[in-house]
Amino acid sequence: MTSNRFFIEQPNLHSSPYVFLYGDEHHHLSRVARIKPKEKVWLFDEQGTCYLARVEEIEREKTCLFILKKMEEEEQKVKITLGQGLIRSKKMGLIIQKATELGITTFIPVITSRSIIKIQEKNEKRIERWQKIAHEAAKQSKRTFVPSILSPMPLSKLLDERKEERKLLLSENRGRYLKDILLSFSGNHKARIPSSVIILVGPEGGWSEQEETDILNHDYEAISLGRQVLRAETAALSSIALISHFWNL
């Protein structure tokens, strides 16, 4: 349930201990959840900090709250970045929603040779909508950290810029089973779980041979989910679920 959890931007915390909710979050609190003055709610910001607050006053355009307690979120063992080849917008929204629930920290839409949609001219509106989906998913799953949704970037730029400790390429053609990699750390006290991991998942048409070659040449390790050919969204969420389960428990 999300009725007692609300997102607050850090600039709105500057007047602490009194803070204000505006826009969608104010509307949700006052009109949807129907929270009343003197009730207590939880707030969380972009950095994953959580606050227990008491509603002081509900006005037409804003809600005034009093901060009672501040709590830092327990940091994830492994920061997970998902680089997703661009697919249809509705499916991208689904991936962002579910991957947020599963614990990703960063989401990168990747422009590939087989991407069906071209969204450069609508980037800002789409990113704003995707970030809103992430906010709602974080509230629903009681996460206090909302993942960063980056602007779509060409694969070549991603390969040059990302510096995660462990780099994985989900491939239909090669690679070790992801479960075997994750299980190799279980009970092995000498194996150190990486502090950060990025996994690249292709678009609906998959990676081209040249793209796979380029990715592997940038120190990515090919991995597989098995013999079945999965839809892009199924493959992405299955991979994130496995990594989150084994490395972020």
Foldseek 3Di string as FASTA:
>chain_A
DQQQEAEDEPVQCPVPQKGKDFDPRLCSNCPVSNDDAQDWGWYFYQQQKIFIWGFHDRDDGMTIIGTDDIDHDDDFQEAEEEEEEAEDLVLVLVLLLLLLLLHHAEYEHEHAPPYPDDCPVPQVVSLVVSQVSQRVSCSVSVGRHRHYYDTYDYPVVCLVPDDFPAEAEEALPDAAAPLVVLVVPVPPPVDDDGRYYYYYFYAQVGHDPVSVVVNVVSVYGYHYNDNDDDGRSVVSSVNSNSCSVRRGD
